[in-house]
PDB file of N, CA and C in Angstrom:
ATOM      1  N   MET A   1      -3.165 -30.994 -19.423  1.00  0.00           N
ATOM      2  CA  MET A   1      -4.350 -30.476 -19.484  1.00  0.00           C
ATOM      3  C   MET A   1      -4.788 -29.828 -17.979  1.00  0.00           C
ATOM      4  N   ARG A   2      -4.581 -30.627 -16.813  1.00  0.00           N
ATOM      5  CA  ARG A   2      -4.603 -30.074 -15.509  1.00  0.00           C
ATOM      6  C   ARG A   2      -3.451 -29.100 -15.140  1.00  0.00           C
ATOM      7  N   PHE A   3      -2.475 -29.023 -15.735  1.00  0.00           N
ATOM      8  CA  PHE A   3      -1.438 -28.063 -15.491  1.00  0.00           C
ATOM      9  C   PHE A   3      -1.898 -26.981 -16.426  1.00  0.00           C
ATOM     10  N   ARG A   4      -2.248 -27.104 -17.509  1.00  0.00           N
ATOM     11  CA  ARG A   4      -2.847 -25.362 -18.432  1.00  0.00           C
ATOM     12  C   ARG A   4      -4.060 -25.067 -17.517  1.00  0.00           C
ATOM     13  N   ARG A   5      -4.875 -25.800 -16.565  1.00  0.00           N
ATOM     14  CA  ARG A   5      -6.017 -25.222 -16.170  1.00  0.00           C
ATOM     15  C   ARG A   5      -5.287 -24.958 -14.906  1.00  0.00           C
ATOM     16  N   LYS A   6      -4.377 -24.979 -14.380  1.00  0.00           N
ATOM     17  CA  LYS A   6      -4.027 -24.749 -13.271  1.00  0.00           C
ATOM     18  C   LYS A   6      -3.131 -23.347 -13.308  1.00  0.00           C
ATOM     19  N   PHE A   7      -2.440 -23.289 -14.236  1.00  0.00           N
ATOM     20  CA  PHE A   7      -1.876 -22.367 -14.959  1.00  0.00           C
ATOM     21  C   PHE A   7      -2.736 -20.925 -15.166  1.00  0.00           C
ATOM     22  N   PHE A   8      -3.663 -21.202 -15.819  1.00  0.00           N
ATOM     23  CA  PHE A   8      -4.403 -20.258 -16.108  1.00  0.00           C
ATOM     24  C   PHE A   8      -5.001 -19.651 -14.773  1.00  0.00           C
ATOM     25  N   ALA A   9      -5.853 -20.293 -14.060  1.00  0.00           N
ATOM     26  CA  ALA A   9      -6.150 -20.283 -12.951  1.00  0.00           C
ATOM     27  C   ALA A   9      -5.529 -18.872 -12.176  1.00  0.00           C
ATOM     28  N   ARG A  10      -4.067 -19.628 -12.146  1.00  0.00           N
ATOM     29  CA  ARG A  10      -2.973 -18.393 -11.574  1.00  0.00           C
ATOM     30  C   ARG A  10      -3.127 -17.285 -12.105  1.00  0.00           C
ATOM     31  N   ALA A  11      -2.611 -17.546 -13.239  1.00  0.00           N
ATOM     32  CA  ALA A  11      -2.263 -16.093 -14.025  1.00  0.00           C
ATOM     33  C   ALA A  11      -3.515 -15.206 -14.237  1.00  0.00           C
ATOM     34  N   LEU A  12      -4.979 -15.737 -13.915  1.00  0.00           N
ATOM     35  CA  LEU A  12      -5.729 -15.001 -13.811  1.00  0.00           C
ATOM     36  C   LEU A  12      -6.274 -14.164 -12.708  1.00  0.00           C
ATOM     37  N   LEU A  13      -5.919 -15.200 -11.257  1.00  0.00           N
ATOM     38  CA  LEU A  13      -5.708 -14.402 -10.540  1.00  0.00           C
ATOM     39  C   LEU A  13      -4.643 -13.392  -9.998  1.00  0.00           C
ATOM     40  N   ILE A  14      -3.877 -13.759 -10.467  1.00  0.00           N
ATOM     41  CA  ILE A  14      -2.521 -12.813 -10.461  1.00  0.00           C
ATOM     42  C   ILE A  14      -3.038 -11.266 -10.827  1.00  0.00           C
ATOM     43  N   VAL A  15      -3.823 -11.489 -12.363  1.00  0.00           N
ATOM     44  CA  VAL A  15      -4.571 -10.681 -13.061  1.00  0.00           C
ATOM     45  C   VAL A  15      -5.126  -9.679 -12.286  1.00  0.00           C
ATOM     46  N   LEU A  16      -6.214 -10.370 -11.781  1.00  0.00           N
ATOM     47  CA  LEU A  16      -7.379  -9.792 -10.960  1.00  0.00           C
ATOM     48  C   LEU A  16      -6.755  -9.026  -9.586  1.00  0.00           C
ATOM     49  N   ILE A  17      -5.573  -9.460  -9.076  1.00  0.00           N
ATOM     50  CA  ILE A  17      -4.764  -9.038  -7.900  1.00  0.00           C
ATOM     51  C   ILE A  17      -4.627  -7.507  -8.573  1.00  0.00           C
ATOM     52  N   ILE A  18      -3.481  -7.603  -9.620  1.00  0.00           N
ATOM     53  CA  ILE A  18      -3.186  -6.158  -9.662  1.00  0.00           C
ATOM     54  C   ILE A  18      -4.012  -5.110 -10.191  1.00  0.00           C
ATOM     55  N   ALA A  19      -4.964  -5.808 -10.947  1.00  0.00           N
ATOM     56  CA  ALA A  19      -5.893  -4.669 -11.085  1.00  0.00           C
ATOM     57  C   ALA A  19      -6.639  -4.261 -10.078  1.00  0.00           C
ATOM     58  N   LEU A  20      -7.218  -5.286  -9.118  1.00  0.00           N
ATOM     59  CA  LEU A  20      -7.716  -4.405  -7.411  1.00  0.00           C
ATOM     60  C   LEU A  20      -6.682  -3.425  -7.277  1.00  0.00           C
ATOM     61  N   MET A  21      -5.098  -3.978  -7.290  1.00  0.00           N
ATOM     62  CA  MET A  21      -4.582  -3.259  -6.041  1.00  0.00           C
ATOM     63  C   MET A  21      -4.527  -1.790  -7.033  1.00  0.00           C
ATOM     64  N   GLY A  22      -4.091  -1.527  -8.277  1.00  0.00           N
ATOM     65  CA  GLY A  22      -4.281  -0.624  -9.310  1.00  0.00           C
ATOM     66  C   GLY A  22      -5.581   0.480  -8.703  1.00  0.00           C
ATOM     67  N   TRP A  23      -6.765  -0.231  -8.450  1.00  0.00           N
ATOM     68  CA  TRP A  23      -7.777   0.580  -8.256  1.00  0.00           C
ATOM     69  C   TRP A  23      -7.495   1.120  -6.884  1.00  0.00           C
ATOM     70  N   ILE A  24      -7.233   0.391  -6.044  1.00  0.00           N
ATOM     71  CA  ILE A  24      -6.945   0.535  -4.525  1.00  0.00           C
ATOM     72  C   ILE A  24      -5.926   2.104  -4.523  1.00  0.00           C
ATOM     73  N   VAL A  25      -5.134   1.794  -5.521  1.00  0.00           N
ATOM     74  CA  VAL A  25      -4.084   2.645  -5.391  1.00  0.00           C
ATOM     75  C   VAL A  25      -4.592   4.122  -6.043  1.00  0.00           C
ATOM     76  N   MET A  26      -5.300   4.129  -6.774  1.00  0.00           N
ATOM     77  CA  MET A  26      -6.097   5.310  -7.836  1.00  0.00           C
ATOM     78  C   MET A  26      -7.185   5.971  -6.637  1.00  0.00           C
ATOM     79  N   ARG A  27      -7.743   5.197  -6.110  1.00  0.00           N
ATOM     80  CA  ARG A  27      -8.814   5.461  -5.183  1.00  0.00           C
ATOM     81  C   ARG A  27      -7.800   6.186  -3.944  1.00  0.00           C
ATOM     82  N   LEU A  28      -6.613   5.501  -3.189  1.00  0.00           N
ATOM     83  CA  LEU A  28      -6.394   6.403  -2.140  1.00  0.00           C
ATOM     84  C   LEU A  28      -5.770   7.384  -2.653  1.00  0.00           C
ATOM     85  N   TRP A  29      -4.685   7.321  -3.929  1.00  0.00           N
ATOM     86  CA  TRP A  29      -4.230   8.923  -4.267  1.00  0.00           C
ATOM     87  C   TRP A  29      -5.195   9.566  -4.182  1.00  0.00           C
ATOM     88  N   ASN A  30      -6.265   9.582  -5.256  1.00  0.00           N
ATOM     89  CA  ASN A  30      -7.349  10.704  -5.233  1.00  0.00           C
ATOM     90  C   ASN A  30      -7.675  11.238  -4.110  1.00  0.00           C
ATOM     91  N   TRP A  31      -7.871  10.362  -3.055  1.00  0.00           N
ATOM     92  CA  TRP A  31      -8.787  10.813  -1.921  1.00  0.00           C
ATOM     93  C   TRP A  31      -7.621  11.383  -1.103  1.00  0.00           C
ATOM     94  N   ILE A  32      -6.280  11.053  -1.168  1.00  0.00           N
ATOM     95  CA  ILE A  32      -5.320  11.847  -0.136  1.00  0.00           C
ATOM     96  C   ILE A  32      -4.392  13.114  -0.657  1.00  0.00           C
ATOM     97  N   ILE A  33      -3.948  12.712  -1.869  1.00  0.00           N
ATOM     98  CA  ILE A  33      -2.477  13.346  -2.172  1.00  0.00           C
ATOM     99  C   ILE A  33      -3.327  14.746  -3.018  1.00  0.00           C
ATOM    100  N   PRO A  34      -4.610  14.944  -3.285  1.00  0.00           N
ATOM    101  CA  PRO A  34      -4.975  16.444  -3.922  1.00  0.00           C
ATOM    102  C   PRO A  34      -5.153  17.211  -2.232  1.00  0.00           C
ATOM    103  N   THR A  35      -5.658  16.232  -1.403  1.00  0.00           N
ATOM    104  CA  THR A  35      -6.048  17.498  -0.173  1.00  0.00           C
ATOM    105  C   THR A  35      -4.869  17.986   0.282  1.00  0.00           C
ATOM    106  N   LEU A  36      -3.572  16.990   0.414  1.00  0.00           N
ATOM    107  CA  LEU A  36      -2.074  17.347   1.013  1.00  0.00           C
ATOM    108  C   LEU A  36      -1.148  18.290   0.386  1.00  0.00           C
ATOM    109  N   ILE A  37      -0.984  18.156  -0.826  1.00  0.00           N
ATOM    110  CA  ILE A  37      -0.509  19.157  -1.545  1.00  0.00           C
ATOM    111  C   ILE A  37      -1.028  19.949  -2.788  1.00  0.00           C
ATOM    112  N   VAL A  38      -0.656  21.348  -2.606  1.00  0.00           N
ATOM    113  CA  VAL A  38      -1.449  22.332  -3.426  1.00  0.00           C
ATOM    114  C   VAL A  38      -0.934  21.581  -4.889  1.00  0.00           C
ATOM    115  N   ASP A  39      -1.974  21.980  -5.821  1.00  0.00           N
ATOM    116  CA  ASP A  39      -1.743  21.668  -7.294  1.00  0.00           C
ATOM    117  C   ASP A  39      -1.583  20.017  -7.765  1.00  0.00           C
ATOM    118  N   ALA A  40      -1.817  19.175  -6.742  1.00  0.00           N
ATOM    119  CA  ALA A  40      -1.811  17.821  -7.067  1.00  0.00           C
ATOM    120  C   ALA A  40      -3.120  17.421  -7.842  1.00  0.00           C
ATOM    121  N   HIS A  41      -2.702  16.511  -8.823  1.00  0.00           N
ATOM    122  CA  HIS A  41      -3.565  16.332  -9.976  1.00  0.00           C
ATOM    123  C   HIS A  41      -4.348  14.663  -9.489  1.00  0.00           C
ATOM    124  N   LEU A  42      -5.309  14.583 -10.040  1.00  0.00           N
ATOM    125  CA  LEU A  42      -6.025  13.322  -9.620  1.00  0.00           C
ATOM    126  C   LEU A  42      -5.371  12.219 -10.417  1.00  0.00           C
ATOM    127  N   ILE A  43      -5.421  11.089 -10.459  1.00  0.00           N
ATOM    128  CA  ILE A  43      -4.505  10.320 -11.626  1.00  0.00           C
ATOM    129  C   ILE A  43      -5.782   9.340 -12.013  1.00  0.00           C
ATOM    130  N   ASP A  44      -5.095   8.605 -13.315  1.00  0.00           N
ATOM    131  CA  ASP A  44      -6.354   7.922 -13.436  1.00  0.00           C
ATOM    132  C   ASP A  44      -5.815   6.240 -13.542  1.00  0.00           C
ATOM    133  N   TYR A  45      -6.291   5.465 -13.863  1.00  0.00           N
ATOM    134  CA  TYR A  45      -6.388   4.185 -13.667  1.00  0.00           C
ATOM    135  C   TYR A  45      -4.925   3.753 -14.062  1.00  0.00           C
ATOM    136  N   PRO A  46      -4.340   3.997 -15.828  1.00  0.00           N
ATOM    137  CA  PRO A  46      -3.626   3.378 -15.841  1.00  0.00           C
ATOM    138  C   PRO A  46      -1.861   4.217 -15.692  1.00  0.00           C
ATOM    139  N   ARG A  47      -2.385   5.135 -14.714  1.00  0.00           N
ATOM    140  CA  ARG A  47      -1.521   5.987 -13.857  1.00  0.00           C
ATOM    141  C   ARG A  47      -1.071   5.299 -12.589  1.00  0.00           C
ATOM    142  N   ALA A  48      -1.890   4.861 -12.231  1.00  0.00           N
ATOM    143  CA  ALA A  48      -2.006   3.952 -11.326  1.00  0.00           C
ATOM    144  C   ALA A  48      -1.454   2.854 -11.104  1.00  0.00           C
ATOM    145  N   ILE A  49      -1.841   1.960 -12.324  1.00  0.00           N
ATOM    146  CA  ILE A  49      -1.045   0.966 -12.741  1.00  0.00           C
ATOM    147  C   ILE A  49       0.936   1.181 -12.660  1.00  0.00           C
ATOM    148  N   GLY A  50       0.825   2.414 -13.297  1.00  0.00           N
ATOM    149  CA  GLY A  50       2.383   2.707 -13.364  1.00  0.00           C
ATOM    150  C   GLY A  50       3.215   3.100 -12.429  1.00  0.00           C
ATOM    151  N   LEU A  51       2.096   3.461 -11.385  1.00  0.00           N
ATOM    152  CA  LEU A  51       2.546   4.024  -9.729  1.00  0.00           C
ATOM    153  C   LEU A  51       3.016   2.746  -9.300  1.00  0.00           C
ATOM    154  N   LEU A  52       2.362   1.566  -9.076  1.00  0.00           N
ATOM    155  CA  LEU A  52       2.478   0.528  -8.241  1.00  0.00           C
ATOM    156  C   LEU A  52       3.684  -0.385  -9.332  1.00  0.00           C
ATOM    157  N   VAL A  53       3.953  -0.388 -10.386  1.00  0.00           N
ATOM    158  CA  VAL A  53       5.133  -0.690 -11.206  1.00  0.00           C
ATOM    159  C   VAL A  53       6.184  -0.216 -10.828  1.00  0.00           C
ATOM    160  N   LEU A  54       6.298   1.357 -10.802  1.00  0.00           N
ATOM    161  CA  LEU A  54       7.251   2.397 -10.401  1.00  0.00           C
ATOM    162  C   LEU A  54       7.745   2.024  -8.857  1.00  0.00           C
ATOM    163  N   CYS A  55       6.737   1.887  -7.927  1.00  0.00           N
ATOM    164  CA  CYS A  55       7.149   1.515  -6.564  1.00  0.00           C
ATOM    165  C   CYS A  55       7.691  -0.097  -6.320  1.00  0.00           C
ATOM    166  N   ARG A  56       7.323  -1.094  -7.240  1.00  0.00           N
ATOM    167  CA  ARG A  56       7.711  -2.303  -6.938  1.00  0.00           C
ATOM    168  C   ARG A  56       9.360  -2.310  -7.211  1.00  0.00           C
ATOM    169  N   ILE A  57       9.494  -1.428  -8.502  1.00  0.00           N
ATOM    170  CA  ILE A  57      10.915  -1.195  -8.888  1.00  0.00           C
ATOM    171  C   ILE A  57      11.601  -0.788  -7.975  1.00  0.00           C
ATOM    172  N   LEU A  58      11.541   0.299  -7.496  1.00  0.00           N
ATOM    173  CA  LEU A  58      12.245   1.168  -6.808  1.00  0.00           C
ATOM    174  C   LEU A  58      12.337   0.303  -5.585  1.00  0.00           C
ATOM    175  N   PHE A  59      10.826   0.087  -4.788  1.00  0.00           N
ATOM    176  CA  PHE A  59      11.467  -0.634  -3.350  1.00  0.00           C
ATOM    177  C   PHE A  59      11.373  -2.016  -3.075  1.00  0.00           C
ATOM    178  N   GLY A  60      11.086  -2.914  -3.973  1.00  0.00           N
ATOM    179  CA  GLY A  60      10.262  -4.092  -3.797  1.00  0.00           C
ATOM    180  C   GLY A  60      11.649  -5.080  -4.651  1.00  0.00           C
ATOM    181  N   GLY A  61      11.869  -4.489  -5.738  1.00  0.00           N
ATOM    182  CA  GLY A  61      12.409  -5.038  -6.682  1.00  0.00           C
ATOM    183  C   GLY A  61      11.764  -6.271  -7.292  1.00  0.00           C
ATOM    184  N   PHE A  62      12.250  -7.333  -8.070  1.00  0.00           N
ATOM    185  CA  PHE A  62      11.334  -8.484  -8.812  1.00  0.00           C
ATOM    186  C   PHE A  62      12.242  -9.598  -8.092  1.00  0.00           C
ATOM    187  N   ARG A  63      12.661  -9.514  -7.251  1.00  0.00           N
ATOM    188  CA  ARG A  63      13.287 -11.069  -6.912  1.00  0.00           C
ATOM    189  C   ARG A  63      12.278 -12.143  -6.443  1.00  0.00           C
ATOM    190  N   GLY A  64      10.732 -11.647  -5.675  1.00  0.00           N
ATOM    191  CA  GLY A  64       9.900 -12.377  -4.917  1.00  0.00           C
ATOM    192  C   GLY A  64      10.255 -12.969  -3.703  1.00  0.00           C
ATOM    193  N   HIS A  65      11.277 -12.137  -2.997  1.00  0.00           N
ATOM    194  CA  HIS A  65      11.163 -12.645  -1.455  1.00  0.00           C
ATOM    195  C   HIS A  65       9.806 -12.289  -1.090  1.00  0.00           C
ATOM    196  N   GLY A  66       9.080 -13.232  -0.316  1.00  0.00           N
ATOM    197  CA  GLY A  66       8.117 -13.301   0.328  1.00  0.00           C
ATOM    198  C   GLY A  66       8.179 -14.033   1.427  1.00  0.00           C
ATOM    199  N   GLY A  67       6.601 -14.708   1.937  1.00  0.00           N
ATOM    200  CA  GLY A  67       7.080 -15.558   3.063  1.00  0.00           C
ATOM    201  C   GLY A  67       7.837 -16.584   3.338  1.00  0.00           C
ATOM    202  N   CYS A  68       7.920 -17.286   2.184  1.00  0.00           N
ATOM    203  CA  CYS A  68       9.070 -18.288   2.292  1.00  0.00           C
ATOM    204  C   CYS A  68      10.391 -17.929   2.622  1.00  0.00           C
ATOM    205  N   TYR A  69      10.828 -16.596   2.033  1.00  0.00           N
ATOM    206  CA  TYR A  69      12.217 -15.927   2.384  1.00  0.00           C
ATOM    207  C   TYR A  69      12.683 -16.014   3.799  1.00  0.00           C
ATOM    208  N   LYS A  70      11.294 -15.367   4.313  1.00  0.00           N
ATOM    209  CA  LYS A  70      11.411 -15.064   5.961  1.00  0.00           C
ATOM    210  C   LYS A  70      11.297 -16.333   6.706  1.00  0.00           C
ATOM    211  N   ALA A  71      10.565 -16.875   6.167  1.00  0.00           N
ATOM    212  CA  ALA A  71      10.608 -18.548   7.296  1.00  0.00           C
ATOM    213  C   ALA A  71      12.056 -19.171   7.218  1.00  0.00           C
ATOM    214  N   ARG A  72      12.949 -19.113   5.938  1.00  0.00           N
ATOM    215  CA  ARG A  72      13.676 -19.806   5.950  1.00  0.00           C
ATOM    216  C   ARG A  72      14.715 -19.296   6.782  1.00  0.00           C
ATOM    217  N   HIS A  73      14.829 -17.832   7.184  1.00  0.00           N
ATOM    218  CA  HIS A  73      15.819 -17.279   7.897  1.00  0.00           C
ATOM    219  C   HIS A  73      15.161 -17.198   9.470  1.00  0.00           C
ATOM    220  N   TRP A  74      13.719 -17.577   9.590  1.00  0.00           N
ATOM    221  CA  TRP A  74      13.518 -17.594  10.852  1.00  0.00           C
ATOM    222  C   TRP A  74      14.344 -19.489  11.377  1.00  0.00           C
ATOM    223  N   GLN A  75      13.905 -20.086  10.198  1.00  0.00           N
ATOM    224  CA  GLN A  75      14.638 -21.392  10.638  1.00  0.00           C
ATOM    225  C   GLN A  75      16.100 -21.405  11.252  1.00  0.00           C
ATOM    226  N   GLN A  76      16.709 -20.833  10.365  1.00  0.00           N
ATOM    227  CA  GLN A  76      18.171 -20.979  10.435  1.00  0.00           C
ATOM    228  C   GLN A  76      18.446 -19.946  11.783  1.00  0.00           C
ATOM    229  N   TRP A  77      17.767 -18.769  11.703  1.00  0.00           N
ATOM    230  CA  TRP A  77      17.835 -18.163  13.458  1.00  0.00           C
ATOM    231  C   TRP A  77      17.391 -19.411  14.483  1.00  0.00           C
ATOM    232  N   GLN A  78      16.265 -20.146  14.239  1.00  0.00           N
ATOM    233  CA  GLN A  78      15.832 -21.203  15.402  1.00  0.00           C
ATOM    234  C   GLN A  78      17.007 -22.226  15.559  1.00  0.00           C
ATOM    235  N   GLN A  79      17.863 -22.091  14.465  1.00  0.00           N
ATOM    236  CA  GLN A  79      19.029 -23.505  14.567  1.00  0.00           C
ATOM    237  C   GLN A  79      20.253 -22.846  15.358  1.00  0.00           C
ATOM    238  N   MET A  80      20.480 -21.723  15.254  1.00  0.00           N
ATOM    239  CA  MET A  80      21.562 -21.181  15.832  1.00  0.00           C
ATOM    240  C   MET A  80      21.645 -21.122  17.542  1.00  0.00           C
ATOM    241  N   THR A  81      22.840 -21.628  17.800  1.00  0.00           N
ATOM    242  CA  THR A  81      22.872 -21.291  19.281  1.00  0.00           C
ATOM    243  C   THR A  81      23.034 -20.290  20.057  1.00  0.00           C
ATOM    244  N   GLN A  82      22.859 -19.664  21.287  1.00  0.00           N
ATOM    245  CA  GLN A  82      22.954 -18.391  22.022  1.00  0.00           C
ATOM    246  C   GLN A  82      23.646 -17.767  21.601  1.00  0.00           C
ATOM    247  N   GLN A  83      25.154 -18.164  21.568  1.00  0.00           N
ATOM    248  CA  GLN A  83      26.674 -17.904  21.112  1.00  0.00           C
ATOM    249  C   GLN A  83      26.338 -17.117  19.986  1.00  0.00           C
ATOM    250  N   GLU A  84      25.913 -18.052  18.758  1.00  0.00           N
ATOM    251  CA  GLU A  84      25.881 -17.300  17.320  1.00  0.00           C
ATOM    252  C   GLU A  84      24.702 -16.459  17.062  1.00  0.00           C
ATOM    253  N   ARG A  85      24.079 -16.428  17.856  1.00  0.00           N
ATOM    254  CA  ARG A  85      22.877 -15.388  17.799  1.00  0.00           C
ATOM    255  C   ARG A  85      23.440 -14.133  18.443  1.00  0.00           C
ATOM    256  N   GLU A  86      24.279 -14.090  19.487  1.00  0.00           N
ATOM    257  CA  GLU A  86      24.601 -12.653  20.217  1.00  0.00           C
ATOM    258  C   GLU A  86      25.849 -12.328  19.122  1.00  0.00           C
ATOM    259  N   ARG A  87      26.475 -13.343  18.375  1.00  0.00           N
ATOM    260  CA  ARG A  87      27.598 -12.568  17.650  1.00  0.00           C
ATOM    261  C   ARG A  87      27.175 -12.238  16.263  1.00  0.00           C
ATOM    262  N   LEU A  88      25.523 -12.742  15.927  1.00  0.00           N
ATOM    263  CA  LEU A  88      25.420 -11.888  14.828  1.00  0.00           C
ATOM    264  C   LEU A  88      24.716 -10.761  15.305  1.00  0.00           C
ATOM    265  N   ARG A  89      23.790 -10.662  16.347  1.00  0.00           N
ATOM    266  CA  ARG A  89      23.834  -9.237  16.805  1.00  0.00           C
ATOM    267  C   ARG A  89      24.850  -8.358  16.637  1.00  0.00           C
ATOM    268  N   ASN A  90      26.063  -8.576  17.374  1.00  0.00           N
ATOM    269  CA  ASN A  90      26.601  -7.670  17.580  1.00  0.00           C
ATOM    270  C   ASN A  90      27.595  -7.504  16.372  1.00  0.00           C
ATOM    271  N   ASP A  91      27.780  -8.144  15.481  1.00  0.00           N
ATOM    272  CA  ASP A  91      28.115  -7.734  14.194  1.00  0.00           C
ATOM    273  C   ASP A  91      27.313  -6.633  13.408  1.00  0.00           C
ATOM    274  N   SER A  92      26.140  -6.894  13.307  1.00  0.00           N
ATOM    275  CA  SER A  92      25.045  -6.204  12.634  1.00  0.00           C
ATOM    276  C   SER A  92      24.618  -4.564  13.128  1.00  0.00           C
ATOM    277  N   MET A  93      25.086  -4.391  14.477  1.00  0.00           N
ATOM    278  CA  MET A  93      24.734  -3.436  14.897  1.00  0.00           C
ATOM    279  C   MET A  93      25.573  -2.385  14.520  1.00  0.00           C
ATOM    280  N   PRO A  94      24.880  -1.116  14.112  1.00  0.00           N
ATOM    281  CA  PRO A  94      25.842  -0.219  13.452  1.00  0.00           C
ATOM    282  C   PRO A  94      26.701   0.515  14.518  1.00  0.00           C
ATOM    283  N   GLY A  95      28.387   0.766  13.805  1.00  0.00           N
ATOM    284  CA  GLY A  95      29.387   1.220  14.759  1.00  0.00           C
ATOM    285  C   GLY A  95      30.107   0.095  15.736  1.00  0.00           C
ATOM    286  N   SER A  96      29.500  -1.172  15.787  1.00  0.00           N
ATOM    287  CA  SER A  96      30.249  -2.018  16.308  1.00  0.00           C
ATOM    288  C   SER A  96      31.360  -2.837  15.261  1.00  0.00           C
ATOM    289  N   ARG A  97      32.660  -3.341  16.041  1.00  0.00           N
ATOM    290  CA  ARG A  97      33.623  -3.520  15.697  1.00  0.00           C
ATOM    291  C   ARG A  97      33.823  -5.113  15.181  1.00  0.00           C
ATOM    292  N   PRO A  98      33.992  -5.558  13.919  1.00  0.00           N
ATOM    293  CA  PRO A  98      34.382  -6.846  13.821  1.00  0.00           C
ATOM    294  C   PRO A  98      35.476  -7.421  14.641  1.00  0.00           C
ATOM    295  N   ASN A  99      35.276  -8.887  15.072  1.00  0.00           N
ATOM    296  CA  ASN A  99      36.124  -9.541  15.991  1.00  0.00           C
ATOM    297  C   ASN A  99      36.795  -9.098  16.902  1.00  0.00           C
ATOM    298  N   GLU A 100      35.613  -8.076  17.919  1.00  0.00           N
ATOM    299  CA  GLU A 100      35.576  -7.275  18.869  1.00  0.00           C
ATOM    300  C   GLU A 100      35.666  -8.324  20.166  1.00  0.00           C
ATOM    301  N   GLY A 101      36.653  -8.653  20.609  1.00  0.00           N
ATOM    302  CA  GLY A 101      36.648  -9.729  21.785  1.00  0.00           C
ATOM    303  C   GLY A 101      37.197 -11.175  21.605  1.00  0.00           C
ATOM    304  N   ALA A 102      38.088 -11.239  20.202  1.00  0.00           N
ATOM    305  CA  ALA A 102      38.136 -12.415  19.449  1.00  0.00           C
ATOM    306  C   ALA A 102      39.557 -12.374  20.242  1.00  0.00           C
ATOM    307  N   GLY A 103      39.876 -13.778  20.669  1.00  0.00           N
ATOM    308  CA  GLY A 103      41.101 -14.051  21.217  1.00  0.00           C
ATOM    309  C   GLY A 103      41.176 -14.264  22.616  1.00  0.00           C
ATOM    310  N   THR A 104      40.385 -13.770  23.166  1.00  0.00           N
ATOM    311  CA  THR A 104      40.145 -13.823  25.008  1.00  0.00           C
ATOM    312  C   THR A 104      39.283 -14.851  25.144  1.00  0.00           C
TER     313      THR A 104
END
């Protein structure tokens, strides 16, 4: 019984957050975009929700990498030695060559 109550409370919270975000997107779009772009139209609430979903698909995905994902990487970073951090920085730099300085 307690599990059901928690489940429905979380589901309701998610629905309310999505509704609020849709309203914010609609208000911001209708306030900013028509003044910046010629012939841009105002959007209604369902289109604002659709725009939120589209942005989530294009830019965020549905993997749900939130704060704990970043915290796990931060913990891994903290456990690395200084040499491992430098090697990771050098390997991730654009134009760097892998295995540079190996064998010396």
